[in-house]
Amino acid sequence: MKVRRRLCSPGICFTTSCEVRNQSLTRRVDYIVATQFLIKGIIDEMLLQIEVVRRSNSLVVMVCLALAAIAVNLSLPLTAKAEVARVSSGFHSQGQALSLPADSPRWNLEGQAKVTEYLGRKSVFLDGGGATIKDFEMRDGVVDVDVATPASRGFFGVQFRISDDGNNGEWVYLRQHRSGYPDAMQYTPVLGTGLNWQIYNGPGFTGAVDIPKEAWFHMRLEVAGAQAKLFVKDMDKPALVMNDLKSGIQKGQVALAVLTGATYFSNFEVRTTPDLPWERHLPSLLPGTLTKWSVSPSYDALARNLERPLSPADSEAIRWQEVEAEPPGFVVLYRYREAPHPRVTFANDFSKRLDPQPGMKVVYARTNIESEREQVKKLYLGYSDDVSVFLNGKILFRGRSAQNFRDPGFLGIMSSEDDIVYLPLKKGRNELMLAVSELGGGWGFFCRLGDVEN
């Protein structure tokens, strides 16, 4: 499952506008000083003066107010300036509730998206489309929206903290066809335009919920620091707690998004809240995990023999990038390489699972293992989607774990123990190399060494 090339249109920070009346210069200065509200340096004040000029069409007022702004900024004591900055910053971060009706010009509709009527309400309709709030960014905040869907299958939800280029962000969504199952809800970071649900799965990423059909129900998303909570129908108990948001983006745009499946949205409201400290809740790094890797650029997988190791000349010619595994030991390749988006032929026709898949990409990853003696070690291996394992220039293993590959319902979820490969290590330095290929859903691998039991 993939999101479109751009998550949404680029946005800029939304600041709550304040009415600025055309008053006398003295009263204007008194107003600013008394409220300690609209001054945050000369730049903020000048922006306010532009609004005054627009209303008054007076060059004299512009000059006078600009001079007044400079005078006030220079004359305030340092303690007063600090308080002004604090109050102004707090107002900006907390903002006010922004309610957007379906036909609001603040929506930027993309793909299969329109304003229509459904179940007695004017609604935003999406089916393979998105609705992004124009001129708005959010770090911490609360999103409220009513949802209704007649679809039996689909993926609908809220994207948040979307980067300006639309390539990265967070997405939490519901899946009608999985209603009541442990993965009816899903959270995934979007990295390099790709979803990562095959890598990030289980508690904190998936959850069960009953999804009503052809009836309005309420959803709420609370985002605070590096955590978030999704409420569905019950606003007292979160349906999904996202204990550690993975994109790394701390502020960005907000959008409604539907990958597929007709879905309607109404009564949308978003409000920013004071920023909480950014505290990650990372899992523990598993013992024996190989964390230091070098990765190659991405290549066309069909143009390479993935059962043949790289020659020394090939390896020497590659510009390797040093990367480090994140807890519990995942190397998430979408953080470093753009996601491919091929049309996978066996997604809907299992008989084609062995056919070449145009658009499939491959990355080589290498690390060194120091061994004090000649011995055999277990390599606990997780990967998505395909992998070839080479040790000291010889292939030891070839595995395929793409969604739908092993059976039509196979998801290709990556775990830390998908497979075990036995490594015959020589004394000294051993080069371990992987060729990891990707079709969709998350590109990455996990490697951990263990002892062979007697």
Protein backbone atom coordinates (compact mmCIF):
# COMPACT_ATOMS: atom_id res chain seq x y z
CA MET A 1 0.00 0.00 0.00
CA LYS A 2 1.42 3.34 -1.03
CA VAL A 3 0.50 6.94 -0.54
CA ARG A 4 0.52 9.23 -3.56
CA ARG A 5 3.74 10.89 -4.70
CA ARG A 6 3.02 13.97 -2.59
CA LEU A 7 1.24 13.58 0.70
CA CYS A 8 -0.32 16.99 0.27
CA SER A 9 0.45 20.45 -0.97
CA PRO A 10 3.20 22.43 0.71
CA GLY A 11 1.99 24.70 3.47
CA ILE A 12 3.22 27.51 5.63
CA CYS A 13 2.70 28.28 9.29
CA PHE A 14 -0.80 29.53 10.17
CA THR A 15 -0.99 32.32 12.70
CA THR A 16 -4.30 33.44 14.15
CA SER A 17 -5.12 36.86 12.69
CA CYS A 18 -6.01 39.75 14.98
CA GLU A 19 -8.14 42.73 14.07
CA VAL A 20 -6.01 45.88 13.85
CA ARG A 21 -8.03 49.07 13.92
CA ASN A 22 -6.88 52.34 12.44
CA GLN A 23 -6.37 54.32 15.64
CA SER A 24 -4.25 57.25 16.62
CA LEU A 25 -0.54 56.71 17.03
CA THR A 26 -0.61 57.26 20.78
CA ARG A 27 -3.49 54.92 21.39
CA ARG A 28 -1.84 52.29 19.15
CA VAL A 29 1.39 52.38 21.17
CA ASP A 30 -0.51 52.29 24.46
CA TYR A 31 -2.50 49.34 23.21
CA ILE A 32 0.61 47.37 22.33
CA VAL A 33 2.40 48.11 25.59
CA ALA A 34 -0.68 47.49 27.74
CA THR A 35 -1.53 44.11 26.30
CA GLN A 36 2.04 42.88 25.70
CA PHE A 37 0.45 40.76 23.04
CA LEU A 38 1.37 41.65 19.52
CA ILE A 39 5.02 42.57 19.83
CA LYS A 40 7.62 39.98 19.10
CA GLY A 41 10.46 42.00 17.70
CA ILE A 42 10.39 44.53 14.94
CA ILE A 43 9.49 42.01 12.22
CA ASP A 44 6.25 40.89 13.86
CA GLU A 45 5.26 44.49 14.49
CA MET A 46 5.98 45.50 10.92
CA LEU A 47 3.71 42.71 9.69
CA LEU A 48 0.91 44.12 11.78
CA GLN A 49 1.53 47.58 10.39
CA ILE A 50 1.11 46.25 6.86
CA GLU A 51 -2.40 45.20 7.77
CA VAL A 52 -3.12 48.67 9.15
CA VAL A 53 -1.85 50.28 5.97
CA ARG A 54 -3.99 47.98 3.87
CA ARG A 55 -7.05 49.13 5.77
CA SER A 56 -6.18 52.81 5.95
CA ASN A 57 -4.38 53.26 2.61
CA SER A 58 -2.29 55.89 4.40
CA LEU A 59 1.41 56.24 3.77
CA VAL A 60 1.65 58.61 6.73
CA VAL A 61 0.12 56.02 9.04
CA MET A 62 2.56 53.45 7.73
CA VAL A 63 5.59 55.59 8.46
CA CYS A 64 4.35 56.69 11.87
CA LEU A 65 3.43 53.21 13.01
CA ALA A 66 6.68 51.74 11.76
CA LEU A 67 8.59 54.35 13.76
CA ALA A 68 6.38 53.67 16.74
CA ALA A 69 7.14 49.96 16.52
CA ILE A 70 10.85 50.65 16.54
CA ALA A 71 10.49 53.07 19.44
CA VAL A 72 8.44 50.66 21.51
CA ASN A 73 10.81 47.78 20.82
CA LEU A 74 13.82 49.84 21.85
CA SER A 75 12.22 51.43 24.88
CA LEU A 76 10.81 48.32 26.55
CA PRO A 77 12.97 46.99 29.41
CA LEU A 78 14.57 43.63 28.83
CA THR A 79 12.19 41.94 31.29
CA ALA A 80 9.19 43.42 29.51
CA LYS A 81 10.56 42.32 26.12
CA ALA A 82 11.02 38.80 27.47
CA GLU A 83 7.45 38.75 28.75
CA VAL A 84 6.15 40.11 25.44
CA ALA A 85 8.01 37.38 23.55
CA ARG A 86 6.71 34.75 25.94
CA VAL A 87 3.10 35.82 25.65
CA SER A 88 3.29 36.24 21.90
CA SER A 89 4.99 32.89 21.45
CA GLY A 90 2.45 31.19 23.68
CA PHE A 91 -0.42 32.64 21.70
CA HIS A 92 1.13 31.50 18.45
CA SER A 93 1.72 27.95 19.69
CA GLN A 94 -1.69 27.52 21.29
CA GLY A 95 -3.61 29.27 18.53
CA GLN A 96 -7.36 28.94 18.35
CA ALA A 97 -9.76 26.29 17.14
CA LEU A 98 -9.98 26.28 13.36
CA SER A 99 -13.31 24.88 12.16
CA LEU A 100 -13.52 24.14 8.44
CA PRO A 101 -16.83 23.37 6.74
CA ALA A 102 -16.69 21.05 3.76
CA ASP A 103 -16.86 23.92 1.27
CA SER A 104 -14.21 26.05 2.99
CA PRO A 105 -11.67 27.63 0.60
CA ARG A 106 -9.01 26.58 3.12
CA TRP A 107 -9.20 23.00 1.81
CA ASN A 108 -6.82 21.99 -0.96
CA LEU A 109 -8.49 18.99 -2.61
CA GLU A 110 -6.39 16.52 -4.59
CA GLY A 111 -7.15 13.32 -6.49
CA GLN A 112 -10.68 11.91 -6.25
CA ALA A 113 -12.04 14.62 -3.96
CA LYS A 114 -15.13 16.82 -3.97
CA VAL A 115 -17.71 18.55 -1.77
CA THR A 116 -21.01 16.69 -1.67
CA GLU A 117 -23.98 15.70 0.51
CA TYR A 118 -24.03 12.43 2.46
CA LEU A 119 -26.41 11.23 5.15
CA GLY A 120 -27.86 14.71 5.53
CA ARG A 121 -24.55 16.57 5.79
CA LYS A 122 -22.39 18.63 3.50
CA SER A 123 -19.17 16.64 3.39
CA VAL A 124 -15.71 16.29 1.90
CA PHE A 125 -15.74 13.13 -0.22
CA LEU A 126 -12.44 11.28 -0.79
CA ASP A 127 -11.69 8.06 -2.64
CA GLY A 128 -8.05 7.94 -3.64
CA GLY A 129 -7.56 11.59 -2.72
CA GLY A 130 -6.71 14.06 0.00
CA ALA A 131 -7.80 17.33 1.56
CA THR A 132 -4.99 19.47 2.98
CA ILE A 133 -5.46 22.57 5.11
CA LYS A 134 -3.93 25.54 3.34
CA ASP A 135 -1.62 27.90 5.23
CA PHE A 136 -1.52 25.80 8.39
CA GLU A 137 1.15 23.88 10.29
CA MET A 138 0.94 22.00 13.55
CA ARG A 139 3.38 20.56 16.04
CA ASP A 140 1.15 19.59 18.96
CA GLY A 141 -2.61 19.76 18.65
CA VAL A 142 -6.01 18.08 18.47
CA VAL A 143 -7.91 17.12 15.31
CA ASP A 144 -11.63 16.35 15.49
CA VAL A 145 -13.70 15.07 12.58
CA ASP A 146 -16.86 13.10 11.85
CA VAL A 147 -16.50 10.25 9.36
CA ALA A 148 -18.87 8.02 7.42
CA THR A 149 -18.10 5.36 4.84
CA PRO A 150 -20.21 3.01 2.73
CA ALA A 151 -17.12 1.14 1.49
CA SER A 152 -16.43 -2.45 2.45
CA ARG A 153 -12.71 -2.04 1.89
CA GLY A 154 -10.43 0.94 2.24
CA PHE A 155 -7.87 3.01 4.06
CA PHE A 156 -8.89 6.42 5.48
CA GLY A 157 -7.51 8.70 8.14
CA VAL A 158 -5.45 11.73 9.11
CA GLN A 159 -1.98 12.68 7.94
CA PHE A 160 -0.09 15.08 10.18
CA ARG A 161 3.30 16.76 10.52
CA ILE A 162 3.70 16.51 6.77
CA SER A 163 6.96 17.97 5.46
CA ASP A 164 6.92 20.93 3.07
CA ASP A 165 7.91 18.75 0.12
CA GLY A 166 5.10 16.29 0.93
CA ASN A 167 7.48 13.32 1.03
CA ASN A 168 7.53 12.63 4.77
CA GLY A 169 5.09 12.72 7.66
CA GLU A 170 2.85 10.63 9.90
CA TRP A 171 -0.34 8.80 8.94
CA VAL A 172 -2.90 7.03 11.11
CA TYR A 173 -5.76 5.34 9.29
CA LEU A 174 -8.62 2.86 9.60
CA ARG A 175 -9.26 -0.15 7.34
CA GLN A 176 -12.91 -1.02 6.74
CA HIS A 177 -12.15 -4.57 5.58
CA ARG A 178 -10.33 -5.28 8.86
CA SER A 179 -13.05 -3.97 11.16
CA GLY A 180 -12.85 -5.75 14.52
CA TYR A 181 -9.46 -7.31 13.77
CA PRO A 182 -6.17 -6.49 15.55
CA ASP A 183 -5.02 -4.39 12.58
CA ALA A 184 -8.22 -2.44 11.89
CA MET A 185 -6.24 0.70 12.78
CA GLN A 186 -2.72 1.35 11.63
CA TYR A 187 -0.10 4.03 12.24
CA THR A 188 2.88 4.37 9.93
CA PRO A 189 5.50 7.01 9.35
CA VAL A 190 5.74 8.09 5.72
CA LEU A 191 9.40 8.27 4.70
CA GLY A 192 10.64 9.18 1.24
CA THR A 193 7.02 8.93 -0.05
CA GLY A 194 6.72 5.33 1.20
CA LEU A 195 4.65 3.71 3.94
CA ASN A 196 6.42 1.52 6.47
CA TRP A 197 3.70 -0.69 7.95
CA GLN A 198 5.66 -3.89 7.20
CA ILE A 199 8.45 -2.66 9.48
CA TYR A 200 6.54 -0.84 12.21
CA ASN A 201 3.82 -3.20 13.37
CA GLY A 202 2.20 -4.48 16.54
CA PRO A 203 1.60 -2.53 19.79
CA GLY A 204 1.80 1.21 19.19
CA PHE A 205 1.22 0.75 15.47
CA THR A 206 -1.87 -1.42 15.03
CA GLY A 207 -5.07 -1.97 17.00
CA ALA A 208 -8.59 -3.38 16.90
CA VAL A 209 -11.73 -1.27 16.50
CA ASP A 210 -15.21 -1.77 15.08
CA ILE A 211 -15.73 0.56 12.11
CA PRO A 212 -19.36 1.57 11.49
CA LYS A 213 -20.72 1.38 7.96
CA GLU A 214 -23.00 4.01 6.42
CA ALA A 215 -23.25 5.92 9.71
CA TRP A 216 -21.53 9.02 11.08
CA PHE A 217 -19.01 8.49 13.88
CA HIS A 218 -16.42 10.71 15.52
CA MET A 219 -12.63 10.49 15.40
CA ARG A 220 -10.14 12.51 17.41
CA LEU A 221 -6.37 12.66 17.06
CA GLU A 222 -4.29 14.11 19.89
CA VAL A 223 -0.65 14.86 19.07
CA ALA A 224 1.74 15.76 21.89
CA GLY A 225 5.52 15.74 21.52
CA ALA A 226 6.74 12.43 20.11
CA GLN A 227 3.48 10.66 20.99
CA ALA A 228 -0.10 10.62 19.68
CA LYS A 229 -3.47 9.08 20.53
CA LEU A 230 -6.35 8.16 18.25
CA PHE A 231 -9.91 8.06 19.60
CA VAL A 232 -12.67 6.35 17.61
CA LYS A 233 -16.28 6.81 18.79
CA ASP A 234 -15.25 6.68 22.48
CA MET A 235 -13.64 10.03 23.36
CA ASP A 236 -12.64 8.89 26.87
CA LYS A 237 -10.42 5.94 25.99
CA PRO A 238 -7.92 6.03 23.11
CA ALA A 239 -8.32 3.25 20.57
CA LEU A 240 -4.65 3.46 19.56
CA VAL A 241 -1.73 4.92 21.50
CA MET A 242 1.24 5.80 19.33
CA ASN A 243 3.98 5.73 21.92
CA ASP A 244 6.84 6.81 19.66
CA LEU A 245 6.27 8.70 16.41
CA LYS A 246 8.88 7.63 13.90
CA SER A 247 9.18 10.21 11.10
CA GLY A 248 11.29 12.59 13.19
CA ILE A 249 9.36 15.59 11.86
CA GLN A 250 8.27 17.88 14.67
CA LYS A 251 5.98 20.23 12.76
CA GLY A 252 4.08 20.14 9.50
CA GLN A 253 0.84 20.21 7.59
CA VAL A 254 -2.42 18.38 8.35
CA ALA A 255 -4.58 16.52 5.82
CA LEU A 256 -7.44 14.09 5.48
CA ALA A 257 -6.44 11.21 3.23
CA VAL A 258 -8.10 8.16 1.67
CA LEU A 259 -6.03 5.67 -0.25
CA THR A 260 -9.10 3.82 -1.49
CA GLY A 261 -12.71 3.31 -0.41
CA ALA A 262 -15.36 6.06 -0.55
CA THR A 263 -15.24 8.08 2.68
CA TYR A 264 -17.00 11.28 3.79
CA PHE A 265 -15.78 13.84 6.35
CA SER A 266 -17.69 16.62 8.14
CA ASN A 267 -17.50 18.82 11.26
CA PHE A 268 -13.74 19.17 10.97
CA GLU A 269 -11.90 21.14 13.63
CA VAL A 270 -8.23 21.46 14.54
CA ARG A 271 -6.58 23.38 17.35
CA THR A 272 -2.97 23.68 18.33
CA THR A 273 -1.90 23.07 21.93
CA PRO A 274 1.21 24.08 23.92
CA ASP A 275 4.26 22.12 22.82
CA LEU A 276 5.27 19.33 25.17
CA PRO A 277 8.90 18.19 25.59
CA TRP A 278 10.13 15.93 22.80
CA GLU A 279 10.74 12.61 24.56
CA ARG A 280 11.28 9.45 22.54
CA HIS A 281 10.09 6.11 23.89
CA LEU A 282 12.41 3.79 22.01
CA PRO A 283 12.43 0.00 22.39
CA SER A 284 15.54 -1.71 23.70
CA LEU A 285 18.29 -2.68 21.30
CA LEU A 286 18.43 -6.47 21.17
CA PRO A 287 21.73 -8.11 22.17
CA GLY A 288 24.00 -9.11 19.31
CA THR A 289 22.41 -6.63 16.90
CA LEU A 290 24.61 -5.48 14.04
CA THR A 291 24.18 -1.71 14.08
CA LYS A 292 26.93 -0.24 11.86
CA TRP A 293 26.23 -0.51 8.14
CA SER A 294 27.17 1.02 4.82
CA VAL A 295 24.49 1.21 2.14
CA SER A 296 24.75 1.69 -1.61
CA PRO A 297 22.59 3.83 -3.88
CA SER A 298 19.43 2.12 -5.11
CA TYR A 299 19.52 0.22 -8.40
CA ASP A 300 17.07 -1.41 -10.78
CA ALA A 301 16.71 -4.89 -9.27
CA LEU A 302 15.85 -6.49 -12.62
CA ALA A 303 19.08 -5.23 -14.14
CA ARG A 304 21.19 -7.17 -11.62
CA ASN A 305 21.90 -10.79 -10.79
CA LEU A 306 20.96 -10.81 -7.12
CA GLU A 307 22.49 -14.24 -6.57
CA ARG A 308 25.92 -12.97 -7.62
CA PRO A 309 28.08 -11.11 -5.08
CA LEU A 310 29.58 -7.77 -5.93
CA SER A 311 33.08 -7.99 -7.34
CA PRO A 312 35.84 -6.03 -5.55
CA ALA A 313 35.82 -3.57 -8.46
CA ASP A 314 32.04 -3.13 -8.22
CA SER A 315 32.24 -2.57 -4.49
CA GLU A 316 35.09 -0.11 -4.85
CA ALA A 317 33.15 1.96 -7.38
CA ILE A 318 30.11 2.39 -5.11
CA ARG A 319 29.67 5.53 -3.01
CA TRP A 320 28.72 3.93 0.28
CA GLN A 321 26.73 5.79 2.93
CA GLU A 322 27.30 5.06 6.61
CA VAL A 323 24.07 4.37 8.52
CA GLU A 324 23.17 3.03 11.94
CA ALA A 325 20.35 0.71 12.95
CA GLU A 326 17.61 2.19 15.13
CA PRO A 327 16.19 0.32 18.14
CA PRO A 328 15.35 -2.53 18.27
CA GLY A 329 17.80 -2.98 15.39
CA PHE A 330 16.00 -1.97 12.19
CA VAL A 331 17.77 -0.35 9.27
CA VAL A 332 14.90 1.54 7.62
CA LEU A 333 16.01 2.24 4.08
CA TYR A 334 13.28 4.75 3.24
CA ARG A 335 15.15 7.12 5.54
CA TYR A 336 17.98 7.13 3.02
CA ARG A 337 16.49 6.11 -0.34
CA GLU A 338 13.31 7.17 -2.12
CA ALA A 339 10.55 4.59 -2.14
CA PRO A 340 9.77 2.77 -5.39
CA HIS A 341 6.11 2.51 -6.40
CA PRO A 342 5.83 -0.38 -8.88
CA ARG A 343 2.55 -1.97 -9.94
CA VAL A 344 2.92 -5.43 -8.39
CA THR A 345 1.30 -7.95 -10.73
CA PHE A 346 0.83 -10.71 -8.15
CA ALA A 347 -1.00 -8.42 -5.72
CA ASN A 348 -4.25 -9.50 -7.40
CA ASP A 349 -3.11 -12.60 -9.26
CA PHE A 350 -1.16 -15.12 -7.20
CA SER A 351 -0.14 -17.06 -10.30
CA LYS A 352 2.13 -14.18 -11.31
CA ARG A 353 4.19 -14.13 -8.11
CA LEU A 354 7.33 -15.44 -9.86
CA ASP A 355 7.10 -12.93 -12.71
CA PRO A 356 9.67 -10.12 -12.88
CA GLN A 357 8.33 -6.93 -11.30
CA PRO A 358 9.39 -3.81 -13.23
CA GLY A 359 10.20 -0.94 -10.90
CA MET A 360 11.59 -3.12 -8.12
CA LYS A 361 14.67 -1.53 -6.50
CA VAL A 362 17.65 -3.05 -4.69
CA VAL A 363 20.18 -1.65 -2.21
CA TYR A 364 23.37 -3.34 -1.05
CA ALA A 365 24.29 -3.13 2.63
CA ARG A 366 27.55 -4.27 4.14
CA THR A 367 29.15 -4.60 7.56
CA ASN A 368 32.18 -6.32 9.10
CA ILE A 369 32.12 -9.04 11.73
CA GLU A 370 35.27 -9.62 13.78
CA SER A 371 35.74 -13.18 14.95
CA GLU A 372 38.39 -14.26 17.42
CA ARG A 373 38.42 -17.75 15.94
CA GLU A 374 36.94 -19.89 13.21
CA GLN A 375 33.36 -20.62 14.22
CA VAL A 376 29.72 -20.79 13.11
CA LYS A 377 27.29 -18.09 14.28
CA LYS A 378 23.56 -17.76 13.91
CA LEU A 379 22.34 -14.74 11.97
CA TYR A 380 18.79 -13.83 12.97
CA LEU A 381 17.49 -12.11 9.87
CA GLY A 382 14.47 -9.92 9.19
CA TYR A 383 13.90 -8.24 5.83
CA SER A 384 11.41 -6.55 3.54
CA ASP A 385 10.85 -7.46 0.78
CA ASP A 386 13.58 -9.75 -0.72
CA VAL A 387 17.13 -10.46 0.42
CA SER A 388 20.33 -12.17 -0.68
CA VAL A 389 22.94 -12.86 2.02
CA PHE A 390 26.65 -12.97 1.12
CA LEU A 391 29.54 -13.76 3.46
CA ASN A 392 33.09 -13.10 2.29
CA GLY A 393 31.97 -13.03 -1.34
CA LYS A 394 29.84 -16.19 -1.29
CA ILE A 395 26.05 -16.41 -1.31
CA LEU A 396 24.50 -18.23 1.64
CA PHE A 397 20.80 -17.43 1.43
CA ARG A 398 18.09 -16.03 -0.83
CA GLY A 399 14.67 -15.15 0.62
CA ARG A 400 11.47 -13.52 -0.61
CA SER A 401 8.96 -12.02 1.82
CA ALA A 402 6.91 -9.50 -0.17
CA GLN A 403 3.23 -8.93 0.55
CA ASN A 404 1.08 -11.63 -1.15
CA PHE A 405 4.18 -13.59 -2.24
CA ARG A 406 3.96 -16.64 0.00
CA ASP A 407 0.16 -16.81 -0.10
CA PRO A 408 -2.58 -14.35 -1.15
CA GLY A 409 -3.10 -13.20 2.45
CA PHE A 410 0.58 -12.91 3.36
CA LEU A 411 1.43 -9.40 4.60
CA GLY A 412 5.22 -9.54 4.59
CA ILE A 413 5.52 -8.11 8.11
CA MET A 414 9.20 -7.87 9.07
CA SER A 415 10.27 -9.27 12.43
CA SER A 416 13.62 -9.72 14.11
CA GLU A 417 13.51 -13.46 13.50
CA ASP A 418 12.01 -14.00 10.04
CA ASP A 419 14.77 -16.45 9.20
CA ILE A 420 18.03 -17.85 10.58
CA VAL A 421 21.18 -18.15 8.47
CA TYR A 422 24.28 -19.97 9.74
CA LEU A 423 27.45 -17.97 9.13
CA PRO A 424 30.77 -19.90 8.83
CA LEU A 425 33.08 -17.18 10.16
CA LYS A 426 36.80 -17.24 9.65
CA LYS A 427 39.24 -15.89 12.20
CA GLY A 428 39.60 -12.13 11.82
CA ARG A 429 37.45 -9.83 9.69
CA ASN A 430 34.44 -11.15 7.80
CA GLU A 431 32.40 -9.08 5.34
CA LEU A 432 28.65 -9.60 5.54
CA MET A 433 26.72 -8.15 2.61
CA LEU A 434 22.98 -8.04 1.90
CA ALA A 435 21.15 -7.24 -1.30
CA VAL A 436 17.75 -5.97 -0.11
CA SER A 437 15.00 -5.46 -2.70
CA GLU A 438 11.74 -3.55 -2.35
CA LEU A 439 8.29 -3.56 -3.89
CA GLY A 440 6.28 -1.68 -1.26
CA GLY A 441 5.13 -1.40 2.34
CA GLY A 442 8.53 -0.77 3.92
CA TRP A 443 12.14 -1.27 2.89
CA GLY A 444 14.52 -2.49 5.54
CA PHE A 445 16.34 -5.27 7.35
CA PHE A 446 17.42 -6.49 10.76
CA CYS A 447 20.49 -8.60 11.64
CA ARG A 448 21.45 -10.06 14.99
CA LEU A 449 24.17 -12.57 15.85
CA GLY A 450 23.63 -15.45 18.22
CA ASP A 451 25.45 -18.55 19.35
CA VAL A 452 24.75 -21.97 17.89
CA GLU A 453 23.37 -24.23 20.61
CA ASN A 454 25.33 -27.39 21.33
